[in-house]
Protein backbone atom coordinates (compact mmCIF):
# COMPACT_ATOMS: atom_id res chain seq x y z
CA MET A 1 0.00 0.03 0.07
CA LEU A 2 2.73 2.41 1.04
CA ASP A 3 6.46 2.02 0.23
CA VAL A 4 8.93 4.61 1.51
CA SER A 5 12.48 4.02 0.30
CA HIS A 6 15.65 6.00 1.40
CA LEU A 7 13.51 9.20 1.96
CA SER A 8 15.56 12.38 2.76
CA LYS A 9 14.72 15.99 3.04
CA SER A 10 17.23 18.82 3.54
CA TYR A 11 17.12 22.58 3.16
CA THR A 12 19.29 25.62 3.69
CA GLN A 13 18.71 27.95 6.63
CA GLY A 14 21.02 30.97 6.28
CA SER A 15 24.44 29.40 6.03
CA LEU A 16 23.44 26.22 7.58
CA ARG A 17 22.23 23.03 5.75
CA VAL A 18 19.63 21.34 7.80
CA GLU A 19 18.77 17.66 7.41
CA ALA A 20 15.17 17.37 8.34
CA LEU A 21 14.81 13.68 7.33
CA ALA A 22 17.65 11.22 6.52
CA ASP A 23 17.37 7.93 4.71
CA VAL A 24 14.09 6.73 6.10
CA SER A 25 12.57 3.50 4.73
CA PHE A 26 9.53 1.49 5.65
CA SER A 27 6.50 -0.02 4.14
CA LEU A 28 2.77 -0.32 5.20
CA LYS A 29 0.28 -2.98 4.18
CA SER A 30 -3.26 -2.28 3.16
CA GLY A 31 -5.32 -1.83 6.31
CA GLU A 32 -2.28 -1.50 8.59
CA THR A 33 -1.82 1.32 11.07
CA LEU A 34 1.55 2.93 11.85
CA ALA A 35 2.39 5.49 14.57
CA VAL A 36 5.26 7.92 13.99
CA VAL A 37 6.59 9.10 17.34
CA GLY A 38 9.50 11.16 18.44
CA PRO A 39 10.49 14.44 20.11
CA SER A 40 9.70 17.90 18.68
CA GLY A 41 11.86 18.64 15.62
CA SER A 42 12.63 15.08 14.87
CA GLY A 43 11.09 15.22 11.38
CA LYS A 44 7.63 13.78 12.05
CA THR A 45 5.68 16.47 10.26
CA THR A 46 8.13 16.64 7.49
CA LEU A 47 7.76 12.95 6.93
CA LEU A 48 3.93 13.29 6.75
CA SER A 49 4.22 16.16 4.32
CA LEU A 50 6.38 14.07 2.05
CA LEU A 51 4.02 11.11 2.26
CA ALA A 52 1.19 13.42 1.22
CA GLY A 53 3.22 14.83 -1.69
CA LEU A 54 2.84 18.29 -0.09
CA GLU A 55 6.69 18.72 -0.27
CA SER A 56 9.26 17.20 -2.55
CA ALA A 57 12.02 15.01 -1.24
CA THR A 58 15.76 15.71 -1.62
CA ASN A 59 16.30 11.97 -2.19
CA GLY A 60 14.25 8.78 -2.10
CA LYS A 61 10.81 7.52 -3.09
CA VAL A 62 7.21 7.49 -1.68
CA ALA A 63 5.00 5.02 -3.62
CA VAL A 64 1.25 4.80 -2.79
CA ASN A 65 -0.47 1.77 -4.42
CA GLY A 66 2.63 1.43 -6.62
CA GLN A 67 2.61 4.97 -7.83
CA ASN A 68 5.80 7.04 -7.05
CA LEU A 69 4.43 10.43 -6.02
CA PHE A 70 7.58 12.35 -7.00
CA SER A 71 7.32 11.10 -10.66
CA LEU A 72 4.00 12.90 -11.08
CA SER A 73 3.35 16.44 -12.45
CA GLU A 74 1.79 18.89 -10.05
CA HIS A 75 -1.56 18.43 -11.76
CA GLU A 76 -1.18 14.66 -11.68
CA LEU A 77 -0.21 14.60 -8.07
CA GLY A 78 -3.12 16.86 -7.07
CA LEU A 79 -5.45 14.48 -8.77
CA PHE A 80 -3.89 11.26 -7.45
CA ARG A 81 -3.87 12.77 -3.85
CA SER A 82 -7.52 13.80 -4.06
CA GLN A 83 -8.43 10.25 -4.93
CA GLN A 84 -6.07 8.14 -2.81
CA ILE A 85 -4.97 10.13 0.22
CA GLY A 86 -6.93 11.58 3.05
CA ILE A 87 -5.18 14.08 5.40
CA VAL A 88 -6.18 15.28 8.85
CA PHE A 89 -4.12 18.11 10.39
CA GLN A 90 -3.86 19.34 13.98
CA GLN A 91 -5.32 22.60 12.79
CA PHE A 92 -8.74 22.01 11.11
CA HIS A 93 -8.11 24.07 8.00
CA LEU A 94 -11.82 24.42 7.23
CA MET A 95 -13.11 27.10 4.86
CA PRO A 96 -14.73 29.57 7.24
CA HIS A 97 -17.36 30.87 4.82
CA LEU A 98 -18.49 27.30 3.94
CA SER A 99 -20.93 25.16 5.87
CA ALA A 100 -19.85 21.83 7.28
CA LEU A 101 -21.50 20.09 4.36
CA GLU A 102 -19.84 22.35 1.82
CA ASN A 103 -16.46 21.87 3.48
CA VAL A 104 -16.85 18.09 3.21
CA SER A 105 -18.17 18.08 -0.36
CA LEU A 106 -15.44 20.39 -1.65
CA PRO A 107 -12.86 17.71 -2.60
CA LEU A 108 -15.59 15.89 -4.61
CA GLU A 109 -16.77 19.12 -6.15
CA ILE A 110 -13.31 19.74 -7.41
CA GLN A 111 -13.29 16.26 -8.99
CA GLY A 112 -16.68 17.00 -10.63
CA ASP A 113 -18.44 14.29 -8.72
CA ALA A 114 -22.22 14.52 -9.38
CA GLN A 115 -22.87 12.78 -6.13
CA ALA A 116 -20.69 15.19 -3.99
CA LEU A 117 -23.45 16.43 -1.69
CA THR A 118 -24.88 13.02 -1.11
CA LYS A 119 -21.46 11.43 -0.29
CA ALA A 120 -20.64 14.47 1.90
CA THR A 121 -23.93 13.91 3.85
CA GLU A 122 -23.05 10.28 4.37
CA ALA A 123 -19.52 11.20 5.59
CA LEU A 124 -20.93 13.74 8.07
CA LYS A 125 -23.32 11.06 9.27
CA ALA A 126 -20.40 8.69 9.78
CA VAL A 127 -18.75 11.15 12.14
CA GLY A 128 -22.00 11.95 13.84
CA LEU A 129 -22.56 15.45 12.47
CA ASP A 130 -25.38 15.12 9.87
CA HIS A 131 -27.47 17.35 12.18
CA ARG A 132 -24.94 20.04 12.00
CA GLN A 133 -24.31 20.03 8.25
CA ASN A 134 -25.60 23.55 7.64
CA HIS A 135 -23.46 25.23 10.37
CA LEU A 136 -20.32 27.26 9.72
CA PRO A 137 -17.09 26.35 11.46
CA ARG A 138 -17.44 29.27 13.84
CA GLU A 139 -20.77 27.84 15.00
CA LEU A 140 -19.09 24.45 15.83
CA SER A 141 -16.97 23.42 18.75
CA GLY A 142 -13.28 22.35 18.33
CA GLY A 143 -14.25 18.76 18.50
CA GLU A 144 -16.96 19.18 15.89
CA CYS A 145 -14.64 21.12 13.56
CA GLN A 146 -12.15 18.16 13.80
CA ARG A 147 -14.89 15.71 13.00
CA VAL A 148 -15.86 17.84 9.92
CA ALA A 149 -12.13 17.72 8.94
CA ILE A 150 -12.20 13.91 9.36
CA ALA A 151 -15.34 13.60 7.23
CA ARG A 152 -13.61 15.75 4.57
CA ALA A 153 -10.52 13.45 4.56
CA ILE A 154 -12.59 10.18 4.29
CA VAL A 155 -15.25 11.42 1.79
CA VAL A 156 -13.08 10.34 -1.14
CA ARG A 157 -12.73 6.89 0.40
CA PRO A 158 -8.88 7.15 0.43
CA LYS A 159 -6.70 4.12 0.53
CA LEU A 160 -4.27 6.00 2.94
CA LEU A 161 -5.15 8.24 5.83
CA LEU A 162 -2.47 10.63 7.17
CA ALA A 163 -3.16 12.21 10.54
CA ASP A 164 -0.80 14.81 12.11
CA GLU A 165 -1.57 15.16 15.93
CA PRO A 166 -5.32 15.21 15.11
CA SER A 167 -6.31 15.51 18.77
CA GLY A 168 -3.54 17.99 19.65
CA ASN A 169 -5.71 21.00 19.91
CA LEU A 170 -8.54 19.29 21.74
CA ASP A 171 -9.20 18.70 25.43
CA ALA A 172 -8.50 15.17 26.73
CA ASP A 173 -12.12 13.92 26.54
CA THR A 174 -12.86 15.34 23.13
CA GLY A 175 -9.45 14.24 21.79
CA SER A 176 -10.13 10.71 22.95
CA THR A 177 -13.52 10.77 21.22
CA VAL A 178 -11.94 12.00 17.95
CA MET A 179 -9.26 9.38 18.03
CA ASP A 180 -11.74 6.55 18.72
CA LEU A 181 -13.65 7.78 15.69
CA ILE A 182 -10.54 7.75 13.45
CA PHE A 183 -9.54 4.20 14.44
CA GLN A 184 -13.16 3.07 13.96
CA LEU A 185 -13.36 4.63 10.48
CA VAL A 186 -9.92 3.26 9.46
CA LYS A 187 -10.99 -0.22 10.43
CA SER A 188 -14.48 -0.15 8.92
CA ASN A 189 -13.18 1.32 5.57
CA GLY A 190 -10.04 -0.83 5.37
CA MET A 191 -7.76 2.12 5.17
CA SER A 192 -4.12 2.28 6.02
CA LEU A 193 -3.18 4.92 8.65
CA VAL A 194 -0.04 6.90 9.40
CA LEU A 195 -0.57 8.69 12.67
CA VAL A 196 1.95 11.34 13.98
CA THR A 197 1.53 11.57 17.67
CA HIS A 198 3.34 12.51 20.92
CA ASN A 199 0.89 10.28 22.86
CA GLN A 200 2.26 6.93 23.61
CA ASP A 201 -1.19 5.48 24.44
CA LEU A 202 -2.40 6.38 21.02
CA ALA A 203 0.79 5.03 19.42
CA ALA A 204 0.28 1.69 21.23
CA ARG A 205 -3.14 1.40 19.50
CA CYS A 206 -1.39 1.17 16.09
CA ASP A 207 -0.04 -2.05 14.65
CA ARG A 208 3.52 -0.72 14.42
CA GLN A 209 5.60 2.27 15.54
CA ILE A 210 8.49 4.20 13.98
CA LEU A 211 10.69 6.38 16.28
CA LEU A 212 12.25 9.46 14.67
CA ARG A 213 15.18 11.17 16.24
CA GLY A 214 17.12 13.87 14.44
CA GLY A 215 15.38 12.97 11.20
CA ARG A 216 16.46 9.33 11.33
CA ALA A 217 14.26 6.23 12.03
CA GLN A 218 15.34 4.31 15.09
C-alpha cells in the first residue's frame, strides 16, 4: 500500500544546511496502522508532508499503491492525492465561509463528482454530525470542527489516511472521542493509517511504531 524508500529532506537555513529527514525507509500494508513518534523537531511532520506529496524530497521515493508520488506532475499529483490520500491536520483548515456540508463536499466538487453532496452527507453522518451540516465552522466546537475535517478526509474513500496530531488542539475527553472515531473509520473502511503523535497510548493502538530522532528512524 505504502512504500517509503531512502527518503531524505534537507534545506538551507542561512548558511546552515539542515537535514530534516535522513534515509528513512519503511512499508505499510493495506489496512495496517503505523504510529510515527519522536521528540519535537525530529522530522515527524516533514515525513507526513512528504507522504502526502505536499513537499518534494531531496532523495528517495514514496509510492502509494505502486505510484511514485515524485514522478507525477503537479496536476497529476493533485488528482492522485484527491483520490487516494486523506489528510487530517492538527489545525482544522476548514473554509470559514462554507458550511460543514460544503467543506466536506469540496474535494468531490473539485473532482466534478455529481454525487458530491450525497457522499458528503453520508460522511458527516459517519462522524455523527449530519444534524450540523448547515452550520459554519465558527458555530461548531473544536471537536466538531475536527470531525468535519475527518469527514472531509474520508469522503473520497482514500486508501491511505495521514493524521498529524489530530487531537493535539482538543481537550482530553474530546481528543479521545476523535481518536476513537478515526480508528473506527480506518478499520471499517479498510484504510491504512499513518498517525503522527506524541501520545504513547495512541501510538500503542497502532499495529507498528516508528521512532524518529534527528530525522532518522530508530
